[in-house]
Full PDB file with SEQRES, HELIX, SHEET, SSBOND, CRYST1, ORIGX, SCALE, CONECT and MASTER records, all heavy atoms in Angstrom:
SEQRES   1 A   40  SER LEU LEU PHE GLY LYS MET THR VAL LEU HIS TYR ARG          
SEQRES   2 A   40  MET PHE ALA GLY GLU ASP GLU ARG ILE TYR ARG ALA ALA          
SEQRES   3 A   40  ALA ALA VAL GLU LEU MET VAL LEU SER LEU ASP MET ILE          
SEQRES   4 A   40  ASP                                                          
HELIX    1 AA1 LEU A    3  MET A   14  1                                  12    
HELIX    2 AA2 ILE A   22  ILE A   39  1                                  18    
CRYST1    1.000    1.000    1.000  90.00  90.00  90.00 P 1           1          
ORIGX1      1.000000  0.000000  0.000000        0.00000                         
ORIGX2      0.000000  1.000000  0.000000        0.00000                         
ORIGX3      0.000000  0.000000  1.000000        0.00000                         
SCALE1      1.000000  0.000000  0.000000        0.00000                         
SCALE2      0.000000  1.000000  0.000000        0.00000                         
SCALE3      0.000000  0.000000  1.000000        0.00000                         
ATOM      1  N   SER A   1       0.806  -1.233   0.000  1.00  0.00           N  
ATOM      2  CA  SER A   1       0.000   0.000   0.000  1.00  0.00           C  
ATOM      3  C   SER A   1       0.831   1.271   0.000  1.00  0.00           C  
ATOM      4  O   SER A   1       0.332   2.348  -0.319  1.00  0.00           O  
ATOM      5  CB  SER A   1      -0.916   0.013   1.225  1.00  0.00           C  
ATOM      6  OG  SER A   1      -0.147   0.129   2.425  1.00  0.00           O  
ATOM      7  N   LEU A   2       2.129   1.175   0.389  1.00  0.00           N  
ATOM      8  CA  LEU A   2       3.003   2.353   0.532  1.00  0.00           C  
ATOM      9  C   LEU A   2       2.409   3.351   1.532  1.00  0.00           C  
ATOM     10  O   LEU A   2       2.470   4.564   1.337  1.00  0.00           O  
ATOM     11  CB  LEU A   2       3.241   3.033  -0.823  1.00  0.00           C  
ATOM     12  CG  LEU A   2       3.824   2.145  -1.923  1.00  0.00           C  
ATOM     13  CD1 LEU A   2       4.055   2.945  -3.206  1.00  0.00           C  
ATOM     14  CD2 LEU A   2       5.123   1.479  -1.475  1.00  0.00           C  
ATOM     15  N   LEU A   3       1.883   2.819   2.610  1.00  0.00           N  
ATOM     16  CA  LEU A   3       1.224   3.642   3.626  1.00  0.00           C  
ATOM     17  C   LEU A   3       2.137   4.739   4.160  1.00  0.00           C  
ATOM     18  O   LEU A   3       1.716   5.887   4.324  1.00  0.00           O  
ATOM     19  CB  LEU A   3       0.763   2.754   4.781  1.00  0.00           C  
ATOM     20  CG  LEU A   3       0.283   3.481   6.048  1.00  0.00           C  
ATOM     21  CD1 LEU A   3      -0.983   4.275   5.764  1.00  0.00           C  
ATOM     22  CD2 LEU A   3       0.073   2.498   7.191  1.00  0.00           C  
ATOM     23  N   PHE A   4       3.392   4.413   4.426  1.00  0.00           N  
ATOM     24  CA  PHE A   4       4.278   5.369   5.085  1.00  0.00           C  
ATOM     25  C   PHE A   4       4.572   6.562   4.172  1.00  0.00           C  
ATOM     26  O   PHE A   4       4.541   7.717   4.609  1.00  0.00           O  
ATOM     27  CB  PHE A   4       5.562   4.669   5.530  1.00  0.00           C  
ATOM     28  CG  PHE A   4       5.337   3.614   6.575  1.00  0.00           C  
ATOM     29  CD1 PHE A   4       5.060   2.301   6.210  1.00  0.00           C  
ATOM     30  CD2 PHE A   4       5.385   3.931   7.922  1.00  0.00           C  
ATOM     31  CE1 PHE A   4       4.835   1.331   7.168  1.00  0.00           C  
ATOM     32  CE2 PHE A   4       5.166   2.964   8.888  1.00  0.00           C  
ATOM     33  CZ  PHE A   4       4.879   1.666   8.513  1.00  0.00           C  
ATOM     34  N   GLY A   5       4.862   6.292   2.925  1.00  0.00           N  
ATOM     35  CA  GLY A   5       5.096   7.386   1.997  1.00  0.00           C  
ATOM     36  C   GLY A   5       3.856   8.231   1.785  1.00  0.00           C  
ATOM     37  O   GLY A   5       3.930   9.469   1.697  1.00  0.00           O  
ATOM     38  N   LYS A   6       2.712   7.587   1.707  1.00  0.00           N  
ATOM     39  CA  LYS A   6       1.457   8.324   1.538  1.00  0.00           C  
ATOM     40  C   LYS A   6       1.179   9.208   2.752  1.00  0.00           C  
ATOM     41  O   LYS A   6       0.687  10.327   2.612  1.00  0.00           O  
ATOM     42  CB  LYS A   6       0.305   7.345   1.310  1.00  0.00           C  
ATOM     43  CG  LYS A   6       0.349   6.651  -0.041  1.00  0.00           C  
ATOM     44  CD  LYS A   6      -0.770   5.625  -0.186  1.00  0.00           C  
ATOM     45  CE  LYS A   6      -0.731   4.944  -1.546  1.00  0.00           C  
ATOM     46  NZ  LYS A   6      -1.779   3.908  -1.691  1.00  0.00           N  
ATOM     47  N   MET A   7       1.493   8.713   3.947  1.00  0.00           N  
ATOM     48  CA  MET A   7       1.307   9.515   5.148  1.00  0.00           C  
ATOM     49  C   MET A   7       2.235  10.732   5.146  1.00  0.00           C  
ATOM     50  O   MET A   7       1.855  11.820   5.595  1.00  0.00           O  
ATOM     51  CB  MET A   7       1.554   8.672   6.399  1.00  0.00           C  
ATOM     52  CG  MET A   7       0.390   7.794   6.800  1.00  0.00           C  
ATOM     53  SD  MET A   7      -1.006   8.778   7.428  1.00  0.00           S  
ATOM     54  CE  MET A   7      -2.030   7.474   8.140  1.00  0.00           C  
ATOM     55  N   THR A   8       3.444  10.561   4.629  1.00  0.00           N  
ATOM     56  CA  THR A   8       4.373  11.686   4.544  1.00  0.00           C  
ATOM     57  C   THR A   8       3.805  12.779   3.643  1.00  0.00           C  
ATOM     58  O   THR A   8       3.780  13.963   4.004  1.00  0.00           O  
ATOM     59  CB  THR A   8       5.733  11.213   4.002  1.00  0.00           C  
ATOM     60  OG1 THR A   8       6.260  10.207   4.871  1.00  0.00           O  
ATOM     61  CG2 THR A   8       6.722  12.373   3.932  1.00  0.00           C  
ATOM     62  N   VAL A   9       3.332  12.383   2.469  1.00  0.00           N  
ATOM     63  CA  VAL A   9       2.767  13.360   1.534  1.00  0.00           C  
ATOM     64  C   VAL A   9       1.496  13.983   2.107  1.00  0.00           C  
ATOM     65  O   VAL A   9       1.303  15.212   2.022  1.00  0.00           O  
ATOM     66  CB  VAL A   9       2.467  12.696   0.178  1.00  0.00           C  
ATOM     67  CG1 VAL A   9       1.760  13.682  -0.768  1.00  0.00           C  
ATOM     68  CG2 VAL A   9       3.754  12.189  -0.466  1.00  0.00           C  
ATOM     69  N   LEU A  10       0.637  13.170   2.701  1.00  0.00           N  
ATOM     70  CA  LEU A  10      -0.613  13.687   3.253  1.00  0.00           C  
ATOM     71  C   LEU A  10      -0.343  14.751   4.307  1.00  0.00           C  
ATOM     72  O   LEU A  10      -0.965  15.825   4.303  1.00  0.00           O  
ATOM     73  CB  LEU A  10      -1.438  12.548   3.849  1.00  0.00           C  
ATOM     74  CG  LEU A  10      -2.714  12.961   4.590  1.00  0.00           C  
ATOM     75  CD1 LEU A  10      -3.680  13.681   3.656  1.00  0.00           C  
ATOM     76  CD2 LEU A  10      -3.397  11.747   5.226  1.00  0.00           C  
ATOM     77  N   HIS A  11       0.581  14.500   5.219  1.00  0.00           N  
ATOM     78  CA  HIS A  11       0.853  15.475   6.273  1.00  0.00           C  
ATOM     79  C   HIS A  11       1.494  16.748   5.706  1.00  0.00           C  
ATOM     80  O   HIS A  11       1.209  17.850   6.184  1.00  0.00           O  
ATOM     81  CB  HIS A  11       1.735  14.859   7.365  1.00  0.00           C  
ATOM     82  CG  HIS A  11       0.967  13.985   8.306  1.00  0.00           C  
ATOM     83  ND1 HIS A  11       0.550  12.716   7.970  1.00  0.00           N  
ATOM     84  CD2 HIS A  11       0.487  14.218   9.560  1.00  0.00           C  
ATOM     85  CE1 HIS A  11      -0.135  12.200   8.984  1.00  0.00           C  
ATOM     86  NE2 HIS A  11      -0.172  13.093   9.953  1.00  0.00           N  
ATOM     87  N   TYR A  12       2.316  16.597   4.709  1.00  0.00           N  
ATOM     88  CA  TYR A  12       2.906  17.774   4.075  1.00  0.00           C  
ATOM     89  C   TYR A  12       1.812  18.636   3.448  1.00  0.00           C  
ATOM     90  O   TYR A  12       1.777  19.858   3.651  1.00  0.00           O  
ATOM     91  CB  TYR A  12       3.908  17.329   3.018  1.00  0.00           C  
ATOM     92  CG  TYR A  12       4.633  18.462   2.334  1.00  0.00           C  
ATOM     93  CD1 TYR A  12       5.632  19.178   2.984  1.00  0.00           C  
ATOM     94  CD2 TYR A  12       4.324  18.814   1.014  1.00  0.00           C  
ATOM     95  CE1 TYR A  12       6.302  20.209   2.351  1.00  0.00           C  
ATOM     96  CE2 TYR A  12       4.988  19.841   0.375  1.00  0.00           C  
ATOM     97  CZ  TYR A  12       5.976  20.539   1.038  1.00  0.00           C  
ATOM     98  OH  TYR A  12       6.629  21.574   0.412  1.00  0.00           O  
ATOM     99  N   ARG A  13       0.917  18.030   2.690  1.00  0.00           N  
ATOM    100  CA  ARG A  13      -0.172  18.780   2.054  1.00  0.00           C  
ATOM    101  C   ARG A  13      -1.155  19.322   3.089  1.00  0.00           C  
ATOM    102  O   ARG A  13      -1.665  20.440   2.962  1.00  0.00           O  
ATOM    103  CB  ARG A  13      -0.917  17.882   1.063  1.00  0.00           C  
ATOM    104  CG  ARG A  13      -0.064  17.348  -0.079  1.00  0.00           C  
ATOM    105  CD  ARG A  13       0.447  18.450  -0.965  1.00  0.00           C  
ATOM    106  NE  ARG A  13       1.134  17.923  -2.151  1.00  0.00           N  
ATOM    107  CZ  ARG A  13       2.108  18.536  -2.777  1.00  0.00           C  
ATOM    108  NH1 ARG A  13       2.558  19.699  -2.331  1.00  0.00           N  
ATOM    109  NH2 ARG A  13       2.674  18.006  -3.842  1.00  0.00           N  
ATOM    110  N   MET A  14      -1.404  18.546   4.110  1.00  0.00           N  
ATOM    111  CA  MET A  14      -2.366  18.916   5.150  1.00  0.00           C  
ATOM    112  C   MET A  14      -1.954  20.192   5.863  1.00  0.00           C  
ATOM    113  O   MET A  14      -2.791  20.999   6.270  1.00  0.00           O  
ATOM    114  CB  MET A  14      -2.469  17.757   6.148  1.00  0.00           C  
ATOM    115  CG  MET A  14      -3.663  17.761   7.073  1.00  0.00           C  
ATOM    116  SD  MET A  14      -3.818  16.137   7.858  1.00  0.00           S  
ATOM    117  CE  MET A  14      -2.450  16.178   9.017  1.00  0.00           C  
ATOM    118  N   PHE A  15      -0.639  20.394   5.986  1.00  0.00           N  
ATOM    119  CA  PHE A  15      -0.125  21.594   6.643  1.00  0.00           C  
ATOM    120  C   PHE A  15       0.402  22.610   5.625  1.00  0.00           C  
ATOM    121  O   PHE A  15       1.337  23.358   5.886  1.00  0.00           O  
ATOM    122  CB  PHE A  15       0.938  21.218   7.666  1.00  0.00           C  
ATOM    123  CG  PHE A  15       0.386  20.447   8.835  1.00  0.00           C  
ATOM    124  CD1 PHE A  15       0.717  19.113   9.029  1.00  0.00           C  
ATOM    125  CD2 PHE A  15      -0.507  21.037   9.720  1.00  0.00           C  
ATOM    126  CE1 PHE A  15       0.188  18.393  10.099  1.00  0.00           C  
ATOM    127  CE2 PHE A  15      -1.037  20.325  10.794  1.00  0.00           C  
ATOM    128  CZ  PHE A  15      -0.696  19.002  10.978  1.00  0.00           C  
ATOM    129  N   ALA A  16      -0.229  22.598   4.444  1.00  0.00           N  
ATOM    130  CA  ALA A  16      -0.065  23.643   3.416  1.00  0.00           C  
ATOM    131  C   ALA A  16       1.262  23.584   2.676  1.00  0.00           C  
ATOM    132  O   ALA A  16       1.675  24.573   2.070  1.00  0.00           O  
ATOM    133  CB  ALA A  16      -0.262  25.038   4.021  1.00  0.00           C  
ATOM    134  N   GLY A  17       1.944  22.447   2.703  1.00  0.00           N  
ATOM    135  CA  GLY A  17       3.148  22.303   1.890  1.00  0.00           C  
ATOM    136  C   GLY A  17       2.787  22.153   0.418  1.00  0.00           C  
ATOM    137  O   GLY A  17       1.835  21.449   0.076  1.00  0.00           O  
ATOM    138  N   GLU A  18       3.557  22.809  -0.454  1.00  0.00           N  
ATOM    139  CA  GLU A  18       3.217  22.826  -1.878  1.00  0.00           C  
ATOM    140  C   GLU A  18       4.332  22.320  -2.789  1.00  0.00           C  
ATOM    141  O   GLU A  18       4.110  22.116  -3.983  1.00  0.00           O  
ATOM    142  CB  GLU A  18       2.847  24.258  -2.301  1.00  0.00           C  
ATOM    143  CG  GLU A  18       1.612  24.800  -1.584  1.00  0.00           C  
ATOM    144  CD  GLU A  18       1.273  26.213  -2.010  1.00  0.00           C  
ATOM    145  OE1 GLU A  18       2.093  26.834  -2.726  1.00  0.00           O  
ATOM    146  OE2 GLU A  18       0.184  26.692  -1.640  1.00  0.00           O  
ATOM    147  N   ASP A  19       5.516  22.099  -2.282  1.00  0.00           N  
ATOM    148  CA  ASP A  19       6.661  21.737  -3.111  1.00  0.00           C  
ATOM    149  C   ASP A  19       6.497  20.301  -3.641  1.00  0.00           C  
ATOM    150  O   ASP A  19       6.222  19.374  -2.882  1.00  0.00           O  
ATOM    151  CB  ASP A  19       7.946  21.839  -2.287  1.00  0.00           C  
ATOM    152  CG  ASP A  19       9.190  21.886  -3.146  1.00  0.00           C  
ATOM    153  OD1 ASP A  19       9.261  21.107  -4.117  1.00  0.00           O  
ATOM    154  OD2 ASP A  19      10.093  22.699  -2.855  1.00  0.00           O  
ATOM    155  N   GLU A  20       6.690  20.131  -4.961  1.00  0.00           N  
ATOM    156  CA  GLU A  20       6.558  18.805  -5.567  1.00  0.00           C  
ATOM    157  C   GLU A  20       7.662  17.849  -5.122  1.00  0.00           C  
ATOM    158  O   GLU A  20       7.532  16.630  -5.286  1.00  0.00           O  
ATOM    159  CB  GLU A  20       6.588  18.940  -7.098  1.00  0.00           C  
ATOM    160  CG  GLU A  20       5.335  19.561  -7.680  1.00  0.00           C  
ATOM    161  CD  GLU A  20       4.106  18.684  -7.472  1.00  0.00           C  
ATOM    162  OE1 GLU A  20       4.068  17.570  -8.014  1.00  0.00           O  
ATOM    163  OE2 GLU A  20       3.198  19.122  -6.741  1.00  0.00           O  
ATOM    164  N   ARG A  21       8.735  18.397  -4.535  1.00  0.00           N  
ATOM    165  CA  ARG A  21       9.827  17.528  -4.104  1.00  0.00           C  
ATOM    166  C   ARG A  21       9.478  16.704  -2.873  1.00  0.00           C  
ATOM    167  O   ARG A  21      10.277  15.870  -2.431  1.00  0.00           O  
ATOM    168  CB  ARG A  21      11.078  18.374  -3.867  1.00  0.00           C  
ATOM    169  CG  ARG A  21      11.714  18.860  -5.169  1.00  0.00           C  
ATOM    170  CD  ARG A  21      12.824  19.855  -4.965  1.00  0.00           C  
ATOM    171  NE  ARG A  21      12.321  21.144  -4.493  1.00  0.00           N  
ATOM    172  CZ  ARG A  21      13.035  22.267  -4.503  1.00  0.00           C  
ATOM    173  NH1 ARG A  21      14.275  22.250  -4.952  1.00  0.00           N  
ATOM    174  NH2 ARG A  21      12.516  23.401  -4.062  1.00  0.00           N  
ATOM    175  N   ILE A  22       8.275  16.883  -2.348  1.00  0.00           N  
ATOM    176  CA  ILE A  22       7.836  16.056  -1.228  1.00  0.00           C  
ATOM    177  C   ILE A  22       7.799  14.587  -1.618  1.00  0.00           C  
ATOM    178  O   ILE A  22       7.981  13.694  -0.784  1.00  0.00           O  
ATOM    179  CB  ILE A  22       6.449  16.514  -0.704  1.00  0.00           C  
ATOM    180  CG1 ILE A  22       6.086  15.754   0.572  1.00  0.00           C  
ATOM    181  CG2 ILE A  22       5.368  16.338  -1.770  1.00  0.00           C  
ATOM    182  CD1 ILE A  22       7.071  15.906   1.709  1.00  0.00           C  
ATOM    183  N   TYR A  23       7.595  14.304  -2.904  1.00  0.00           N  
ATOM    184  CA  TYR A  23       7.555  12.904  -3.328  1.00  0.00           C  
ATOM    185  C   TYR A  23       8.909  12.228  -3.141  1.00  0.00           C  
ATOM    186  O   TYR A  23       8.983  11.031  -2.867  1.00  0.00           O  
ATOM    187  CB  TYR A  23       7.104  12.811  -4.792  1.00  0.00           C  
ATOM    188  CG  TYR A  23       5.713  13.358  -5.009  1.00  0.00           C  
ATOM    189  CD1 TYR A  23       5.514  14.569  -5.667  1.00  0.00           C  
ATOM    190  CD2 TYR A  23       4.600  12.677  -4.522  1.00  0.00           C  
ATOM    191  CE1 TYR A  23       4.240  15.089  -5.847  1.00  0.00           C  
ATOM    192  CE2 TYR A  23       3.318  13.185  -4.696  1.00  0.00           C  
ATOM    193  CZ  TYR A  23       3.148  14.395  -5.360  1.00  0.00           C  
ATOM    194  OH  TYR A  23       1.886  14.893  -5.522  1.00  0.00           O  
ATOM    195  N   ARG A  24       9.973  13.011  -3.284  1.00  0.00           N  
ATOM    196  CA  ARG A  24      11.300  12.449  -3.039  1.00  0.00           C  
ATOM    197  C   ARG A  24      11.495  12.144  -1.552  1.00  0.00           C  
ATOM    198  O   ARG A  24      12.065  11.115  -1.184  1.00  0.00           O  
ATOM    199  CB  ARG A  24      12.372  13.419  -3.517  1.00  0.00           C  
ATOM    200  CG  ARG A  24      13.788  12.875  -3.427  1.00  0.00           C  
ATOM    201  CD  ARG A  24      14.762  13.755  -4.170  1.00  0.00           C  
ATOM    202  NE  ARG A  24      14.422  13.802  -5.599  1.00  0.00           N  
ATOM    203  CZ  ARG A  24      15.025  14.596  -6.471  1.00  0.00           C  
ATOM    204  NH1 ARG A  24      15.981  15.417  -6.077  1.00  0.00           N  
ATOM    205  NH2 ARG A  24      14.675  14.562  -7.737  1.00  0.00           N  
ATOM    206  N   ALA A  25      11.004  13.020  -0.689  1.00  0.00           N  
ATOM    207  CA  ALA A  25      11.089  12.767   0.752  1.00  0.00           C  
ATOM    208  C   ALA A  25      10.256  11.547   1.130  1.00  0.00           C  
ATOM    209  O   ALA A  25      10.663  10.732   1.970  1.00  0.00           O  
ATOM    210  CB  ALA A  25      10.617  13.999   1.522  1.00  0.00           C  
ATOM    211  N   ALA A  26       9.076  11.426   0.525  1.00  0.00           N  
ATOM    212  CA  ALA A  26       8.229  10.269   0.806  1.00  0.00           C  
ATOM    213  C   ALA A  26       8.882   8.985   0.300  1.00  0.00           C  
ATOM    214  O   ALA A  26       8.772   7.921   0.939  1.00  0.00           O  
ATOM    215  CB  ALA A  26       6.862  10.466   0.152  1.00  0.00           C  
ATOM    216  N   ALA A  27       9.585   9.069  -0.832  1.00  0.00           N  
ATOM    217  CA  ALA A  27      10.329   7.909  -1.328  1.00  0.00           C  
ATOM    218  C   ALA A  27      11.416   7.520  -0.337  1.00  0.00           C  
ATOM    219  O   ALA A  27      11.681   6.325  -0.115  1.00  0.00           O  
ATOM    220  CB  ALA A  27      10.933   8.222  -2.693  1.00  0.00           C  
ATOM    221  N   ALA A  28      12.058   8.518   0.284  1.00  0.00           N  
ATOM    222  CA  ALA A  28      13.070   8.232   1.307  1.00  0.00           C  
ATOM    223  C   ALA A  28      12.465   7.450   2.461  1.00  0.00           C  
ATOM    224  O   ALA A  28      13.050   6.485   2.962  1.00  0.00           O  
ATOM    225  CB  ALA A  28      13.681   9.539   1.808  1.00  0.00           C  
ATOM    226  N   VAL A  29      11.288   7.859   2.887  1.00  0.00           N  
ATOM    227  CA  VAL A  29      10.614   7.167   3.989  1.00  0.00           C  
ATOM    228  C   VAL A  29      10.314   5.718   3.602  1.00  0.00           C  
ATOM    229  O   VAL A  29      10.538   4.784   4.389  1.00  0.00           O  
ATOM    230  CB  VAL A  29       9.326   7.910   4.378  1.00  0.00           C  
ATOM    231  CG1 VAL A  29       8.480   7.073   5.337  1.00  0.00           C  
ATOM    232  CG2 VAL A  29       9.672   9.259   5.013  1.00  0.00           C  
ATOM    233  N   GLU A  30       9.811   5.493   2.402  1.00  0.00           N  
ATOM    234  CA  GLU A  30       9.490   4.131   1.980  1.00  0.00           C  
ATOM    235  C   GLU A  30      10.742   3.276   1.825  1.00  0.00           C  
ATOM    236  O   GLU A  30      10.719   2.078   2.118  1.00  0.00           O  
ATOM    237  CB  GLU A  30       8.694   4.145   0.679  1.00  0.00           C  
ATOM    238  CG  GLU A  30       7.213   4.474   0.861  1.00  0.00           C  
ATOM    239  CD  GLU A  30       6.447   3.400   1.623  1.00  0.00           C  
ATOM    240  OE1 GLU A  30       6.986   2.290   1.823  1.00  0.00           O  
ATOM    241  OE2 GLU A  30       5.294   3.677   2.022  1.00  0.00           O  
ATOM    242  N   LEU A  31      11.846   3.870   1.372  1.00  0.00           N  
ATOM    243  CA  LEU A  31      13.087   3.104   1.295  1.00  0.00           C  
ATOM    244  C   LEU A  31      13.586   2.731   2.686  1.00  0.00           C  
ATOM    245  O   LEU A  31      14.129   1.634   2.888  1.00  0.00           O  
ATOM    246  CB  LEU A  31      14.161   3.904   0.548  1.00  0.00           C  
ATOM    247  CG  LEU A  31      13.993   3.993  -0.968  1.00  0.00           C  
ATOM    248  CD1 LEU A  31      15.063   4.894  -1.570  1.00  0.00           C  
ATOM    249  CD2 LEU A  31      14.038   2.609  -1.616  1.00  0.00           C  
ATOM    250  N   MET A  32      13.415   3.627   3.647  1.00  0.00           N  
ATOM    251  CA  MET A  32      13.761   3.299   5.026  1.00  0.00           C  
ATOM    252  C   MET A  32      12.953   2.097   5.499  1.00  0.00           C  
ATOM    253  O   MET A  32      13.490   1.141   6.086  1.00  0.00           O  
ATOM    254  CB  MET A  32      13.483   4.492   5.941  1.00  0.00           C  
ATOM    255  CG  MET A  32      13.596   4.171   7.432  1.00  0.00           C  
ATOM    256  SD  MET A  32      12.743   5.365   8.501  1.00  0.00           S  
ATOM    257  CE  MET A  32      11.017   5.004   8.146  1.00  0.00           C  
ATOM    258  N   VAL A  33      11.639   2.130   5.258  1.00  0.00           N  
ATOM    259  CA  VAL A  33      10.766   1.041   5.705  1.00  0.00           C  
ATOM    260  C   VAL A  33      11.139  -0.262   5.011  1.00  0.00           C  
ATOM    261  O   VAL A  33      11.212  -1.325   5.639  1.00  0.00           O  
ATOM    262  CB  VAL A  33       9.292   1.400   5.450  1.00  0.00           C  
ATOM    263  CG1 VAL A  33       8.388   0.205   5.763  1.00  0.00           C  
ATOM    264  CG2 VAL A  33       8.883   2.601   6.303  1.00  0.00           C  
ATOM    265  N   LEU A  34      11.399  -0.200   3.705  1.00  0.00           N  
ATOM    266  CA  LEU A  34      11.797  -1.403   2.965  1.00  0.00           C  
ATOM    267  C   LEU A  34      13.084  -1.978   3.536  1.00  0.00           C  
ATOM    268  O   LEU A  34      13.202  -3.189   3.738  1.00  0.00           O  
ATOM    269  CB  LEU A  34      11.964  -1.073   1.485  1.00  0.00           C  
ATOM    270  CG  LEU A  34      12.533  -2.194   0.596  1.00  0.00           C  
ATOM    271  CD1 LEU A  34      11.694  -3.462   0.696  1.00  0.00           C  
ATOM    272  CD2 LEU A  34      12.649  -1.716  -0.851  1.00  0.00           C  
ATOM    273  N   SER A  35      14.050  -1.128   3.812  1.00  0.00           N  
ATOM    274  CA  SER A  35      15.330  -1.626   4.335  1.00  0.00           C  
ATOM    275  C   SER A  35      15.135  -2.336   5.674  1.00  0.00           C  
ATOM    276  O   SER A  35      15.716  -3.407   5.908  1.00  0.00           O  
ATOM    277  CB  SER A  35      16.327  -0.479   4.476  1.00  0.00           C  
ATOM    278  OG  SER A  35      15.960   0.406   5.528  1.00  0.00           O  
ATOM    279  N   LEU A  36      14.309  -1.768   6.537  1.00  0.00           N  
ATOM    280  CA  LEU A  36      14.084  -2.393   7.847  1.00  0.00           C  
ATOM    281  C   LEU A  36      13.268  -3.675   7.717  1.00  0.00           C  
ATOM    282  O   LEU A  36      13.487  -4.634   8.473  1.00  0.00           O  
ATOM    283  CB  LEU A  36      13.390  -1.400   8.781  1.00  0.00           C  
ATOM    284  CG  LEU A  36      14.232  -0.172   9.155  1.00  0.00           C  
ATOM    285  CD1 LEU A  36      13.453   0.757  10.079  1.00  0.00           C  
ATOM    286  CD2 LEU A  36      15.552  -0.571   9.802  1.00  0.00           C  
ATOM    287  N   ASP A  37      12.328  -3.706   6.773  1.00  0.00           N  
ATOM    288  CA  ASP A  37      11.592  -4.950   6.521  1.00  0.00           C  
ATOM    289  C   ASP A  37      12.549  -6.064   6.091  1.00  0.00           C  
ATOM    290  O   ASP A  37      12.429  -7.216   6.536  1.00  0.00           O  
ATOM    291  CB  ASP A  37      10.548  -4.743   5.424  1.00  0.00           C  
ATOM    292  CG  ASP A  37       9.313  -4.007   5.903  1.00  0.00           C  
ATOM    293  OD1 ASP A  37       9.130  -3.879   7.138  1.00  0.00           O  
ATOM    294  OD2 ASP A  37       8.520  -3.557   5.050  1.00  0.00           O  
ATOM    295  N   MET A  38      13.489  -5.724   5.226  1.00  0.00           N  
ATOM    296  CA  MET A  38      14.450  -6.720   4.750  1.00  0.00           C  
ATOM    297  C   MET A  38      15.321  -7.230   5.892  1.00  0.00           C  
ATOM    298  O   MET A  38      15.563  -8.435   6.027  1.00  0.00           O  
ATOM    299  CB  MET A  38      15.303  -6.109   3.637  1.00  0.00           C  
ATOM    300  CG  MET A  38      14.512  -5.823   2.359  1.00  0.00           C  
ATOM    301  SD  MET A  38      15.375  -4.716   1.199  1.00  0.00           S  
ATOM    302  CE  MET A  38      16.774  -5.746   0.723  1.00  0.00           C  
ATOM    303  N   ILE A  39      15.787  -6.305   6.732  1.00  0.00           N  
ATOM    304  CA  ILE A  39      16.614  -6.708   7.874  1.00  0.00           C  
ATOM    305  C   ILE A  39      15.803  -7.561   8.844  1.00  0.00           C  
ATOM    306  O   ILE A  39      16.284  -8.591   9.341  1.00  0.00           O  
ATOM    307  CB  ILE A  39      17.188  -5.467   8.575  1.00  0.00           C  
ATOM    308  CG1 ILE A  39      18.193  -4.761   7.660  1.00  0.00           C  
ATOM    309  CG2 ILE A  39      17.860  -5.845   9.897  1.00  0.00           C  
ATOM    310  CD1 ILE A  39      18.635  -3.400   8.147  1.00  0.00           C  
ATOM    311  N   ASP A  40      14.561  -7.156   9.102  1.00  0.00           N  
ATOM    312  CA  ASP A  40      13.694  -7.938   9.995  1.00  0.00           C  
ATOM    313  C   ASP A  40      13.527  -9.360   9.483  1.00  0.00           C  
ATOM    314  O   ASP A  40      13.566 -10.335  10.250  1.00  0.00           O  
ATOM    315  CB  ASP A  40      12.320  -7.280  10.124  1.00  0.00           C  
ATOM    316  CG  ASP A  40      12.340  -6.065  11.028  1.00  0.00           C  
ATOM    317  OD1 ASP A  40      13.412  -5.748  11.582  1.00  0.00           O  
ATOM    318  OD2 ASP A  40      11.290  -5.421  11.181  1.00  0.00           O  
TER     319      ASP A  40                                                      
MASTER        0    0    0    2    0    0    0    6  318    1    0    4          
END                                                                             
């Protein structure tokens, strides 16, 4: 579902963030989650 990345974007937009580069930050969050899933 990519819940974590979607939550990052949602909170950014919810608090009036407008920069399209938020998708890169959300990708960072999902890569973090993927890495920890793999280690787990």
